[in-house]
Amino acid sequence: MRKFLILTVGLIFMSLLGCTGAFKQAYFLVDESLRDPDFHLKGVRMAFVTLGSEDKSEDRWILLDVFAKTIQEKRKGMEVLLPGQSLSLINQAGMTKEYNETIKDYQTSGIFEKKILEKLGGVLKTQYLARLSLVSFEQYSSARFSFLGLRTVDSQLAKMRLFAQIWKTNEGKIVWEGSGEGIITRERFRARPVDFHELARLACEKLVEKLP
């Protein structure tokens, strides 16, 4: 009877913790390392360069899509070509092999050849090409408190680092460059890692705020 009472009190206590909702802290800091004085995004059309082999997770595709849609949502005065639309146009133009070689060359040199950028700009009808790299993403989840061996409060943490560049297609130069790092920490009743989309959305919103 005593054990049953203790267990009942413990379950009530855990329920109360669950009802209080999740405690959450989040921040994402962006460092702008380069900005061309003539660069702005008003009235322009921009596409996105898909990422290369240094990003080995499918998360890179999710992140790129979130970034494109965030710009589309936050910057009404410009036109955004989504990553899937860009790939379709490149393939339809017969540039697939050339495009793949360009991405590989970038991995070793950090440069997009001016001639190729001009060609891509013509195919995509864009003044700018953006490149977004997922440098790292980490998730952690651990129990912080237990009652009678039952887990009650879990701490979740997710960290992300990004690197972004924007190239002007007709000049072959970088007009904007920045990096960002952020974290979300949360305590909640049920264990569930911080969702990748949640941190990706925060990261992309902060990046877009920095763009001119």
N, C-alpha and C. Protein backbone atom coordinates (compact mmCIF):
# COMPACT_ATOMS: atom_id res chain seq x y z
N MET A 1 0.84 -1.20 0.00
CA MET A 1 0.00 0.00 0.00
C MET A 1 0.88 1.26 0.00
N ARG A 2 1.93 1.24 0.83
CA ARG A 2 2.82 2.39 0.91
C ARG A 2 3.54 2.63 -0.41
N LYS A 3 3.99 1.52 -1.04
CA LYS A 3 4.67 1.64 -2.34
C LYS A 3 3.72 2.20 -3.39
N PHE A 4 2.47 1.73 -3.34
CA PHE A 4 1.47 2.21 -4.30
C PHE A 4 1.24 3.72 -4.12
N LEU A 5 1.21 4.17 -2.86
CA LEU A 5 1.00 5.59 -2.56
C LEU A 5 2.17 6.42 -3.08
N ILE A 6 3.38 5.92 -2.85
CA ILE A 6 4.57 6.64 -3.32
C ILE A 6 4.57 6.74 -4.84
N LEU A 7 4.22 5.63 -5.49
CA LEU A 7 4.18 5.60 -6.94
C LEU A 7 3.13 6.57 -7.48
N THR A 8 1.97 6.61 -6.82
CA THR A 8 0.90 7.51 -7.23
C THR A 8 1.32 8.97 -7.12
N VAL A 9 1.96 9.30 -5.98
CA VAL A 9 2.44 10.66 -5.78
C VAL A 9 3.49 11.02 -6.84
N GLY A 10 4.35 10.06 -7.15
CA GLY A 10 5.39 10.30 -8.16
C GLY A 10 4.79 10.56 -9.53
N LEU A 11 3.77 9.79 -9.91
CA LEU A 11 3.13 9.97 -11.21
C LEU A 11 2.41 11.31 -11.29
N ILE A 12 1.79 11.72 -10.18
CA ILE A 12 1.13 13.03 -10.15
C ILE A 12 2.16 14.14 -10.32
N PHE A 13 3.30 13.97 -9.64
CA PHE A 13 4.38 14.96 -9.74
C PHE A 13 4.89 15.08 -11.17
N MET A 14 5.06 13.95 -11.83
CA MET A 14 5.54 13.96 -13.21
C MET A 14 4.51 14.59 -14.14
N SER A 15 3.23 14.35 -13.87
CA SER A 15 2.18 14.93 -14.69
C SER A 15 2.19 16.44 -14.58
N LEU A 16 2.41 16.93 -13.34
CA LEU A 16 2.48 18.37 -13.14
C LEU A 16 3.64 18.98 -13.90
N LEU A 17 4.78 18.29 -13.90
CA LEU A 17 5.92 18.77 -14.67
C LEU A 17 5.61 18.83 -16.15
N GLY A 18 4.91 17.80 -16.63
CA GLY A 18 4.55 17.75 -18.04
C GLY A 18 3.60 18.86 -18.41
N CYS A 19 2.72 19.25 -17.50
CA CYS A 19 1.73 20.27 -17.80
C CYS A 19 2.35 21.67 -17.87
N THR A 20 3.50 21.85 -17.26
CA THR A 20 4.11 23.18 -17.26
C THR A 20 4.70 23.53 -18.62
N GLY A 21 4.80 22.55 -19.52
CA GLY A 21 5.35 22.81 -20.84
C GLY A 21 6.86 22.79 -20.85
N ALA A 22 7.40 22.97 -22.02
CA ALA A 22 8.85 22.89 -22.18
C ALA A 22 9.52 24.22 -21.87
N PHE A 23 10.64 24.14 -21.17
CA PHE A 23 11.50 25.31 -20.96
C PHE A 23 12.49 25.34 -22.12
N LYS A 24 12.60 26.49 -22.77
CA LYS A 24 13.38 26.53 -24.00
C LYS A 24 14.20 27.82 -24.08
N GLN A 25 15.43 27.68 -24.57
CA GLN A 25 16.28 28.81 -24.88
C GLN A 25 16.85 28.60 -26.27
N ALA A 26 16.94 29.66 -27.04
CA ALA A 26 17.45 29.53 -28.41
C ALA A 26 18.17 30.81 -28.82
N TYR A 27 19.28 30.65 -29.52
CA TYR A 27 19.94 31.80 -30.12
C TYR A 27 20.73 31.35 -31.34
N PHE A 28 20.94 32.27 -32.25
CA PHE A 28 21.76 32.00 -33.43
C PHE A 28 22.46 33.30 -33.81
N LEU A 29 23.78 33.29 -33.83
CA LEU A 29 24.57 34.47 -34.12
C LEU A 29 25.19 34.35 -35.51
N VAL A 30 25.11 35.42 -36.28
CA VAL A 30 25.65 35.44 -37.64
C VAL A 30 26.76 36.47 -37.73
N ASP A 31 27.88 36.08 -38.30
CA ASP A 31 29.00 36.98 -38.51
C ASP A 31 29.12 37.27 -40.00
N GLU A 32 28.92 38.51 -40.39
CA GLU A 32 29.04 38.92 -41.79
C GLU A 32 30.49 39.28 -42.06
N SER A 33 31.18 38.49 -42.88
CA SER A 33 32.60 38.71 -43.11
C SER A 33 32.90 39.48 -44.38
N LEU A 34 31.93 39.55 -45.31
CA LEU A 34 32.16 40.27 -46.57
C LEU A 34 30.82 40.78 -47.11
N ARG A 35 30.82 42.03 -47.54
CA ARG A 35 29.65 42.58 -48.22
C ARG A 35 30.10 43.61 -49.26
N ASP A 36 29.74 43.37 -50.50
CA ASP A 36 30.03 44.33 -51.56
C ASP A 36 29.14 45.55 -51.36
N PRO A 37 29.69 46.76 -51.44
CA PRO A 37 28.89 47.97 -51.18
C PRO A 37 27.72 48.15 -52.13
N ASP A 38 27.78 47.56 -53.32
CA ASP A 38 26.70 47.70 -54.30
C ASP A 38 25.69 46.56 -54.24
N PHE A 39 25.91 45.62 -53.34
CA PHE A 39 25.03 44.44 -53.30
C PHE A 39 23.74 44.74 -52.54
N HIS A 40 22.61 44.38 -53.17
CA HIS A 40 21.31 44.44 -52.51
C HIS A 40 20.40 43.41 -53.18
N LEU A 41 19.32 43.08 -52.53
CA LEU A 41 18.42 42.03 -53.03
C LEU A 41 17.08 42.58 -53.51
N LYS A 42 16.95 43.88 -53.62
CA LYS A 42 15.68 44.44 -54.06
C LYS A 42 15.50 44.27 -55.57
N GLY A 43 14.41 43.62 -55.93
CA GLY A 43 14.08 43.48 -57.34
C GLY A 43 14.94 42.51 -58.12
N VAL A 44 15.71 41.65 -57.44
CA VAL A 44 16.59 40.71 -58.14
C VAL A 44 15.98 39.30 -58.13
N ARG A 45 16.59 38.44 -58.90
CA ARG A 45 16.22 37.02 -58.94
C ARG A 45 17.44 36.23 -58.48
N MET A 46 17.24 35.29 -57.55
CA MET A 46 18.36 34.53 -56.99
C MET A 46 18.06 33.04 -57.00
N ALA A 47 19.08 32.25 -57.30
CA ALA A 47 18.99 30.80 -57.27
C ALA A 47 20.02 30.27 -56.27
N PHE A 48 20.06 28.94 -56.09
CA PHE A 48 20.90 28.34 -55.07
C PHE A 48 21.75 27.22 -55.64
N VAL A 49 23.02 27.24 -55.30
CA VAL A 49 23.95 26.19 -55.71
C VAL A 49 23.81 25.03 -54.74
N THR A 50 23.56 23.85 -55.24
CA THR A 50 23.45 22.68 -54.37
C THR A 50 24.83 22.31 -53.84
N LEU A 51 24.84 21.62 -52.72
CA LEU A 51 26.08 21.43 -51.99
C LEU A 51 26.81 20.17 -52.41
N GLY A 52 28.09 20.17 -52.11
CA GLY A 52 28.95 19.08 -52.54
C GLY A 52 29.21 18.03 -51.49
N SER A 53 30.26 17.27 -51.69
CA SER A 53 30.51 16.05 -50.93
C SER A 53 30.96 16.28 -49.50
N GLU A 54 31.30 17.54 -49.14
CA GLU A 54 31.73 17.75 -47.76
C GLU A 54 30.55 17.64 -46.80
N ASP A 55 29.32 17.76 -47.30
CA ASP A 55 28.12 17.62 -46.49
C ASP A 55 27.52 16.24 -46.78
N LYS A 56 27.69 15.32 -45.87
CA LYS A 56 27.37 13.93 -46.17
C LYS A 56 25.97 13.52 -45.75
N SER A 57 25.20 14.45 -45.21
CA SER A 57 23.87 14.12 -44.74
C SER A 57 22.81 14.73 -45.63
N GLU A 58 21.66 14.07 -45.69
CA GLU A 58 20.53 14.63 -46.43
C GLU A 58 20.02 15.91 -45.79
N ASP A 59 20.46 16.19 -44.57
CA ASP A 59 20.06 17.43 -43.91
C ASP A 59 20.43 18.65 -44.76
N ARG A 60 21.48 18.53 -45.57
CA ARG A 60 21.91 19.68 -46.36
C ARG A 60 20.83 20.11 -47.35
N TRP A 61 20.09 19.14 -47.89
CA TRP A 61 19.02 19.46 -48.84
C TRP A 61 17.85 20.12 -48.12
N ILE A 62 17.55 19.62 -46.93
CA ILE A 62 16.47 20.22 -46.13
C ILE A 62 16.83 21.66 -45.80
N LEU A 63 18.07 21.88 -45.37
CA LEU A 63 18.51 23.21 -44.99
C LEU A 63 18.43 24.18 -46.16
N LEU A 64 18.89 23.76 -47.31
CA LEU A 64 18.88 24.61 -48.49
C LEU A 64 17.45 25.01 -48.86
N ASP A 65 16.54 24.05 -48.77
CA ASP A 65 15.14 24.33 -49.07
C ASP A 65 14.54 25.30 -48.06
N VAL A 66 14.88 25.11 -46.78
CA VAL A 66 14.39 26.03 -45.74
C VAL A 66 14.94 27.43 -45.97
N PHE A 67 16.21 27.54 -46.35
CA PHE A 67 16.83 28.84 -46.60
C PHE A 67 16.14 29.56 -47.76
N ALA A 68 15.92 28.82 -48.84
CA ALA A 68 15.27 29.41 -50.02
C ALA A 68 13.85 29.89 -49.68
N LYS A 69 13.10 29.07 -48.97
CA LYS A 69 11.71 29.42 -48.65
C LYS A 69 11.64 30.55 -47.62
N THR A 70 12.66 30.64 -46.74
CA THR A 70 12.70 31.74 -45.78
C THR A 70 12.94 33.06 -46.49
N ILE A 71 13.87 33.07 -47.46
CA ILE A 71 14.10 34.29 -48.25
C ILE A 71 12.83 34.66 -49.02
N GLN A 72 12.19 33.65 -49.60
CA GLN A 72 10.96 33.86 -50.36
C GLN A 72 9.88 34.50 -49.49
N GLU A 73 9.81 34.07 -48.25
CA GLU A 73 8.80 34.56 -47.32
C GLU A 73 9.14 35.95 -46.77
N LYS A 74 10.41 36.17 -46.45
CA LYS A 74 10.81 37.39 -45.76
C LYS A 74 11.14 38.55 -46.70
N ARG A 75 11.54 38.24 -47.94
CA ARG A 75 11.94 39.29 -48.89
C ARG A 75 10.97 39.31 -50.07
N LYS A 76 9.91 40.06 -49.93
CA LYS A 76 8.87 40.10 -50.95
C LYS A 76 9.29 40.84 -52.21
N GLY A 77 10.33 41.67 -52.12
CA GLY A 77 10.73 42.47 -53.27
C GLY A 77 11.70 41.78 -54.20
N MET A 78 11.84 40.47 -54.09
CA MET A 78 12.75 39.73 -54.97
C MET A 78 12.12 38.41 -55.39
N GLU A 79 12.70 37.80 -56.41
CA GLU A 79 12.22 36.51 -56.90
C GLU A 79 13.21 35.42 -56.52
N VAL A 80 12.70 34.33 -55.97
CA VAL A 80 13.55 33.23 -55.52
C VAL A 80 13.25 31.98 -56.33
N LEU A 81 14.30 31.42 -56.89
CA LEU A 81 14.18 30.16 -57.62
C LEU A 81 14.54 29.04 -56.64
N LEU A 82 13.59 28.17 -56.32
CA LEU A 82 13.83 27.11 -55.35
C LEU A 82 14.85 26.11 -55.89
N PRO A 83 15.58 25.42 -55.00
CA PRO A 83 16.64 24.50 -55.44
C PRO A 83 16.19 23.47 -56.47
N GLY A 84 15.02 22.88 -56.26
CA GLY A 84 14.51 21.89 -57.22
C GLY A 84 14.24 22.48 -58.59
N GLN A 85 13.76 23.71 -58.62
CA GLN A 85 13.51 24.39 -59.89
C GLN A 85 14.82 24.66 -60.62
N SER A 86 15.84 25.05 -59.87
CA SER A 86 17.15 25.31 -60.47
C SER A 86 17.73 24.05 -61.11
N LEU A 87 17.66 22.95 -60.39
CA LEU A 87 18.21 21.68 -60.91
C LEU A 87 17.47 21.25 -62.18
N SER A 88 16.17 21.44 -62.20
CA SER A 88 15.39 21.07 -63.39
C SER A 88 15.82 21.89 -64.60
N LEU A 89 15.99 23.20 -64.42
CA LEU A 89 16.40 24.06 -65.53
C LEU A 89 17.81 23.73 -66.00
N ILE A 90 18.70 23.42 -65.08
CA ILE A 90 20.08 23.05 -65.45
C ILE A 90 20.08 21.76 -66.25
N ASN A 91 19.30 20.80 -65.81
CA ASN A 91 19.22 19.52 -66.52
C ASN A 91 18.59 19.69 -67.90
N GLN A 92 17.54 20.48 -67.98
CA GLN A 92 16.86 20.71 -69.26
C GLN A 92 17.76 21.43 -70.25
N ALA A 93 18.69 22.23 -69.73
CA ALA A 93 19.62 22.96 -70.60
C ALA A 93 20.82 22.12 -71.01
N GLY A 94 20.89 20.86 -70.52
CA GLY A 94 21.99 19.99 -70.86
C GLY A 94 23.29 20.33 -70.17
N MET A 95 23.18 20.97 -69.00
CA MET A 95 24.39 21.40 -68.27
C MET A 95 24.73 20.52 -67.08
N THR A 96 24.11 19.35 -66.96
CA THR A 96 24.28 18.53 -65.76
C THR A 96 25.74 18.16 -65.50
N LYS A 97 26.43 17.68 -66.52
CA LYS A 97 27.83 17.26 -66.34
C LYS A 97 28.70 18.46 -66.00
N GLU A 98 28.50 19.55 -66.70
CA GLU A 98 29.27 20.77 -66.46
C GLU A 98 29.03 21.30 -65.04
N TYR A 99 27.78 21.24 -64.63
CA TYR A 99 27.41 21.70 -63.29
C TYR A 99 28.06 20.85 -62.21
N ASN A 100 28.01 19.54 -62.37
CA ASN A 100 28.63 18.63 -61.39
C ASN A 100 30.13 18.87 -61.28
N GLU A 101 30.79 19.08 -62.42
CA GLU A 101 32.23 19.34 -62.40
C GLU A 101 32.54 20.67 -61.70
N THR A 102 31.66 21.64 -61.88
CA THR A 102 31.83 22.94 -61.23
C THR A 102 31.76 22.81 -59.71
N ILE A 103 30.80 22.01 -59.24
CA ILE A 103 30.65 21.79 -57.80
C ILE A 103 31.90 21.10 -57.24
N LYS A 104 32.40 20.10 -57.96
CA LYS A 104 33.60 19.39 -57.52
C LYS A 104 34.82 20.31 -57.50
N ASP A 105 34.94 21.15 -58.52
CA ASP A 105 36.07 22.09 -58.57
C ASP A 105 36.03 23.06 -57.39
N TYR A 106 34.84 23.45 -57.01
CA TYR A 106 34.70 24.39 -55.89
C TYR A 106 35.24 23.77 -54.60
N GLN A 107 35.07 22.47 -54.45
CA GLN A 107 35.51 21.79 -53.22
C GLN A 107 37.02 21.90 -53.03
N THR A 108 37.76 21.99 -54.10
CA THR A 108 39.21 22.06 -54.00
C THR A 108 39.74 23.50 -54.08
N SER A 109 39.05 24.35 -54.82
CA SER A 109 39.57 25.71 -55.04
C SER A 109 38.82 26.80 -54.29
N GLY A 110 37.55 26.53 -53.94
CA GLY A 110 36.72 27.56 -53.33
C GLY A 110 36.28 28.62 -54.31
N ILE A 111 36.37 28.32 -55.62
CA ILE A 111 36.05 29.29 -56.67
C ILE A 111 35.05 28.69 -57.66
N PHE A 112 34.09 29.51 -58.06
CA PHE A 112 33.23 29.18 -59.19
C PHE A 112 33.76 29.95 -60.40
N GLU A 113 34.11 29.23 -61.45
CA GLU A 113 34.68 29.86 -62.64
C GLU A 113 33.70 30.87 -63.24
N LYS A 114 34.20 32.04 -63.59
CA LYS A 114 33.36 33.12 -64.10
C LYS A 114 32.56 32.68 -65.33
N LYS A 115 33.19 31.98 -66.24
CA LYS A 115 32.52 31.55 -67.47
C LYS A 115 31.31 30.67 -67.15
N ILE A 116 31.48 29.77 -66.16
CA ILE A 116 30.38 28.88 -65.78
C ILE A 116 29.28 29.64 -65.05
N LEU A 117 29.68 30.58 -64.18
CA LEU A 117 28.68 31.39 -63.48
C LEU A 117 27.82 32.18 -64.47
N GLU A 118 28.46 32.75 -65.49
CA GLU A 118 27.72 33.50 -66.50
C GLU A 118 26.73 32.59 -67.23
N LYS A 119 27.18 31.39 -67.52
CA LYS A 119 26.32 30.43 -68.23
C LYS A 119 25.14 30.01 -67.35
N LEU A 120 25.43 29.73 -66.08
CA LEU A 120 24.36 29.36 -65.15
C LEU A 120 23.38 30.52 -64.97
N GLY A 121 23.92 31.72 -64.86
CA GLY A 121 23.05 32.89 -64.73
C GLY A 121 22.12 33.04 -65.92
N GLY A 122 22.63 32.72 -67.11
CA GLY A 122 21.80 32.79 -68.31
C GLY A 122 20.72 31.73 -68.33
N VAL A 123 21.08 30.51 -67.95
CA VAL A 123 20.11 29.40 -67.93
C VAL A 123 19.03 29.63 -66.88
N LEU A 124 19.45 30.11 -65.71
CA LEU A 124 18.52 30.30 -64.59
C LEU A 124 17.89 31.70 -64.58
N LYS A 125 18.43 32.57 -65.43
CA LYS A 125 17.96 33.97 -65.49
C LYS A 125 18.06 34.65 -64.12
N THR A 126 19.23 34.46 -63.49
CA THR A 126 19.46 35.01 -62.15
C THR A 126 20.70 35.89 -62.13
N GLN A 127 20.62 36.95 -61.33
CA GLN A 127 21.80 37.80 -61.13
C GLN A 127 22.72 37.24 -60.05
N TYR A 128 22.15 36.42 -59.14
CA TYR A 128 22.93 35.93 -58.01
C TYR A 128 22.71 34.44 -57.79
N LEU A 129 23.78 33.78 -57.34
CA LEU A 129 23.71 32.39 -56.92
C LEU A 129 24.19 32.31 -55.47
N ALA A 130 23.38 31.69 -54.62
CA ALA A 130 23.74 31.55 -53.21
C ALA A 130 24.20 30.13 -52.92
N ARG A 131 25.22 30.03 -52.09
CA ARG A 131 25.71 28.72 -51.64
C ARG A 131 25.63 28.67 -50.12
N LEU A 132 24.97 27.65 -49.60
CA LEU A 132 24.82 27.48 -48.16
C LEU A 132 25.37 26.12 -47.75
N SER A 133 26.31 26.12 -46.81
CA SER A 133 26.94 24.88 -46.38
C SER A 133 26.60 24.58 -44.93
N LEU A 134 26.17 23.35 -44.68
CA LEU A 134 25.95 22.87 -43.32
C LEU A 134 27.28 22.35 -42.80
N VAL A 135 27.94 23.15 -41.97
CA VAL A 135 29.26 22.78 -41.45
C VAL A 135 29.13 21.66 -40.42
N SER A 136 28.16 21.80 -39.51
CA SER A 136 27.95 20.75 -38.51
C SER A 136 26.56 20.87 -37.92
N PHE A 137 26.05 19.72 -37.47
CA PHE A 137 24.78 19.68 -36.75
C PHE A 137 24.87 18.54 -35.74
N GLU A 138 24.59 18.86 -34.47
CA GLU A 138 24.68 17.87 -33.40
C GLU A 138 23.43 17.92 -32.53
N GLN A 139 22.98 16.75 -32.09
CA GLN A 139 21.83 16.65 -31.20
C GLN A 139 22.21 15.83 -29.96
N TYR A 140 21.71 16.26 -28.82
CA TYR A 140 21.93 15.53 -27.57
C TYR A 140 20.61 15.46 -26.80
N SER A 141 20.43 14.37 -26.07
CA SER A 141 19.27 14.23 -25.20
C SER A 141 19.68 13.39 -24.00
N SER A 142 19.36 13.88 -22.78
CA SER A 142 19.74 13.15 -21.58
C SER A 142 18.76 13.42 -20.45
N ALA A 143 18.59 12.42 -19.59
CA ALA A 143 17.69 12.56 -18.43
C ALA A 143 18.37 13.39 -17.35
N ARG A 144 17.65 14.34 -16.82
CA ARG A 144 18.20 15.19 -15.77
C ARG A 144 17.68 14.82 -14.39
N PHE A 145 16.52 14.14 -14.31
CA PHE A 145 15.93 13.84 -13.02
C PHE A 145 15.07 12.59 -13.14
N SER A 146 15.09 11.75 -12.14
CA SER A 146 14.24 10.56 -12.17
C SER A 146 13.64 10.33 -10.80
N PHE A 147 12.45 9.76 -10.79
CA PHE A 147 11.76 9.45 -9.54
C PHE A 147 11.36 7.99 -9.57
N LEU A 148 11.86 7.19 -8.59
CA LEU A 148 11.62 5.75 -8.54
C LEU A 148 12.02 5.06 -9.84
N GLY A 149 13.10 5.59 -10.43
CA GLY A 149 13.62 4.96 -11.65
C GLY A 149 12.90 5.37 -12.91
N LEU A 150 11.91 6.27 -12.81
CA LEU A 150 11.18 6.72 -13.99
C LEU A 150 11.72 8.07 -14.42
N ARG A 151 12.05 8.20 -15.70
CA ARG A 151 12.60 9.44 -16.21
C ARG A 151 11.49 10.49 -16.26
N THR A 152 11.76 11.69 -15.76
CA THR A 152 10.73 12.72 -15.71
C THR A 152 11.06 13.95 -16.54
N VAL A 153 12.27 14.47 -16.39
CA VAL A 153 12.64 15.67 -17.12
C VAL A 153 13.84 15.36 -18.00
N ASP A 154 13.71 15.66 -19.29
CA ASP A 154 14.80 15.43 -20.22
C ASP A 154 15.34 16.74 -20.75
N SER A 155 16.66 16.79 -20.88
CA SER A 155 17.31 17.96 -21.48
C SER A 155 17.66 17.61 -22.92
N GLN A 156 17.24 18.48 -23.82
CA GLN A 156 17.60 18.31 -25.23
C GLN A 156 18.40 19.52 -25.69
N LEU A 157 19.36 19.26 -26.55
CA LEU A 157 20.21 20.32 -27.05
C LEU A 157 20.55 20.03 -28.51
N ALA A 158 20.52 21.07 -29.33
CA ALA A 158 20.94 20.94 -30.73
C ALA A 158 21.81 22.12 -31.09
N LYS A 159 22.89 21.85 -31.82
CA LYS A 159 23.83 22.89 -32.25
C LYS A 159 24.00 22.83 -33.76
N MET A 160 24.16 23.98 -34.37
CA MET A 160 24.32 24.04 -35.83
C MET A 160 25.32 25.13 -36.20
N ARG A 161 26.14 24.84 -37.21
CA ARG A 161 27.06 25.84 -37.78
C ARG A 161 26.85 25.88 -39.28
N LEU A 162 26.81 27.10 -39.83
CA LEU A 162 26.56 27.30 -41.26
C LEU A 162 27.62 28.22 -41.87
N PHE A 163 27.77 28.10 -43.18
CA PHE A 163 28.60 29.03 -43.93
C PHE A 163 27.86 29.37 -45.22
N ALA A 164 27.79 30.66 -45.56
CA ALA A 164 27.02 31.08 -46.73
C ALA A 164 27.81 32.06 -47.60
N GLN A 165 27.60 31.94 -48.91
CA GLN A 165 28.19 32.87 -49.88
C GLN A 165 27.13 33.22 -50.92
N ILE A 166 27.24 34.42 -51.45
CA ILE A 166 26.41 34.81 -52.59
C ILE A 166 27.34 35.34 -53.67
N TRP A 167 27.20 34.78 -54.88
CA TRP A 167 28.04 35.14 -56.02
C TRP A 167 27.22 35.91 -57.05
N LYS A 168 27.84 36.91 -57.69
CA LYS A 168 27.21 37.63 -58.78
C LYS A 168 27.57 36.93 -60.09
N THR A 169 26.57 36.49 -60.82
CA THR A 169 26.82 35.59 -61.94
C THR A 169 27.53 36.26 -63.12
N ASN A 170 27.24 37.53 -63.39
CA ASN A 170 27.85 38.15 -64.58
C ASN A 170 29.23 38.75 -64.31
N GLU A 171 29.64 38.75 -63.05
CA GLU A 171 30.96 39.29 -62.72
C GLU A 171 31.89 38.24 -62.10
N GLY A 172 31.34 37.12 -61.70
CA GLY A 172 32.16 36.05 -61.14
C GLY A 172 32.79 36.40 -59.81
N LYS A 173 32.09 37.19 -59.00
CA LYS A 173 32.68 37.58 -57.72
C LYS A 173 31.72 37.34 -56.56
N ILE A 174 32.31 37.20 -55.37
CA ILE A 174 31.52 37.04 -54.14
C ILE A 174 31.06 38.43 -53.70
N VAL A 175 29.76 38.58 -53.49
CA VAL A 175 29.23 39.87 -53.05
C VAL A 175 28.78 39.84 -51.59
N TRP A 176 28.62 38.65 -51.04
CA TRP A 176 28.26 38.55 -49.62
C TRP A 176 28.77 37.22 -49.08
N GLU A 177 29.26 37.26 -47.84
CA GLU A 177 29.75 36.04 -47.20
C GLU A 177 29.53 36.15 -45.69
N GLY A 178 29.10 35.07 -45.10
CA GLY A 178 28.88 35.07 -43.66
C GLY A 178 28.82 33.67 -43.09
N SER A 179 28.97 33.58 -41.78
CA SER A 179 28.88 32.29 -41.10
C SER A 179 28.01 32.47 -39.86
N GLY A 180 27.47 31.38 -39.39
CA GLY A 180 26.61 31.46 -38.22
C GLY A 180 26.72 30.22 -37.36
N GLU A 181 26.42 30.40 -36.08
CA GLU A 181 26.45 29.28 -35.13
C GLU A 181 25.34 29.50 -34.11
N GLY A 182 24.60 28.46 -33.82
CA GLY A 182 23.49 28.62 -32.89
C GLY A 182 23.17 27.36 -32.13
N ILE A 183 22.28 27.52 -31.15
CA ILE A 183 21.95 26.41 -30.26
C ILE A 183 20.50 26.56 -29.78
N ILE A 184 19.84 25.44 -29.60
CA ILE A 184 18.55 25.40 -28.92
C ILE A 184 18.68 24.41 -27.76
N THR A 185 18.32 24.84 -26.56
CA THR A 185 18.27 23.95 -25.41
C THR A 185 16.84 23.93 -24.88
N ARG A 186 16.43 22.76 -24.40
CA ARG A 186 15.04 22.61 -23.98
C ARG A 186 14.93 21.52 -22.92
N GLU A 187 14.04 21.73 -21.98
CA GLU A 187 13.72 20.72 -20.99
C GLU A 187 12.23 20.40 -21.12
N ARG A 188 11.93 19.12 -21.17
CA ARG A 188 10.53 18.74 -21.33
C ARG A 188 10.26 17.40 -20.67
N PHE A 189 8.98 17.09 -20.54
CA PHE A 189 8.56 15.90 -19.82
C PHE A 189 8.89 14.62 -20.59
N ARG A 190 8.70 14.66 -21.90
CA ARG A 190 8.98 13.47 -22.72
C ARG A 190 10.25 13.70 -23.53
N ALA A 191 11.03 12.65 -23.64
CA ALA A 191 12.29 12.75 -24.37
C ALA A 191 12.02 12.79 -25.87
N ARG A 192 12.46 13.87 -26.52
CA ARG A 192 12.40 13.97 -27.98
C ARG A 192 13.45 14.97 -28.41
N PRO A 193 14.39 14.58 -29.25
CA PRO A 193 15.45 15.51 -29.64
C PRO A 193 14.88 16.75 -30.31
N VAL A 194 15.61 17.85 -30.20
CA VAL A 194 15.21 19.07 -30.90
C VAL A 194 15.20 18.78 -32.40
N ASP A 195 14.11 19.13 -33.05
CA ASP A 195 13.94 18.83 -34.46
C ASP A 195 14.90 19.65 -35.33
N PHE A 196 15.46 19.02 -36.36
CA PHE A 196 16.39 19.70 -37.26
C PHE A 196 15.73 20.93 -37.89
N HIS A 197 14.46 20.79 -38.30
CA HIS A 197 13.76 21.90 -38.94
C HIS A 197 13.67 23.11 -38.02
N GLU A 198 13.50 22.85 -36.73
CA GLU A 198 13.34 23.93 -35.76
C GLU A 198 14.58 24.82 -35.72
N LEU A 199 15.75 24.21 -35.65
CA LEU A 199 16.99 24.98 -35.61
C LEU A 199 17.32 25.54 -36.99
N ALA A 200 17.03 24.78 -38.04
CA ALA A 200 17.29 25.26 -39.40
C ALA A 200 16.48 26.52 -39.69
N ARG A 201 15.24 26.54 -39.25
CA ARG A 201 14.38 27.71 -39.46
C ARG A 201 14.95 28.94 -38.73
N LEU A 202 15.35 28.74 -37.49
CA LEU A 202 15.95 29.83 -36.72
C LEU A 202 17.21 30.34 -37.40
N ALA A 203 18.07 29.41 -37.83
CA ALA A 203 19.33 29.79 -38.47
C ALA A 203 19.09 30.58 -39.75
N CYS A 204 18.17 30.12 -40.57
CA CYS A 204 17.91 30.78 -41.84
C CYS A 204 17.27 32.15 -41.67
N GLU A 205 16.41 32.29 -40.68
CA GLU A 205 15.81 33.59 -40.40
C GLU A 205 16.88 34.61 -40.00
N LYS A 206 17.85 34.18 -39.19
CA LYS A 206 18.92 35.07 -38.77
C LYS A 206 19.84 35.43 -39.92
N LEU A 207 20.09 34.48 -40.82
CA LEU A 207 20.91 34.76 -41.99
C LEU A 207 20.22 35.78 -42.90
N VAL A 208 18.93 35.58 -43.12
CA VAL A 208 18.18 36.47 -44.00
C VAL A 208 18.13 37.89 -43.43
N GLU A 209 18.05 38.00 -42.10
CA GLU A 209 18.05 39.33 -41.46
C GLU A 209 19.34 40.09 -41.76
N LYS A 210 20.43 39.38 -41.96
CA LYS A 210 21.73 40.01 -42.21
C LYS A 210 21.89 40.47 -43.66
N LEU A 211 21.13 39.90 -44.57
CA LEU A 211 21.29 40.22 -45.98
C LEU A 211 20.77 41.63 -46.27
N PRO A 212 21.45 42.37 -47.16
CA PRO A 212 21.02 43.74 -47.46
C PRO A 212 19.74 43.80 -48.30
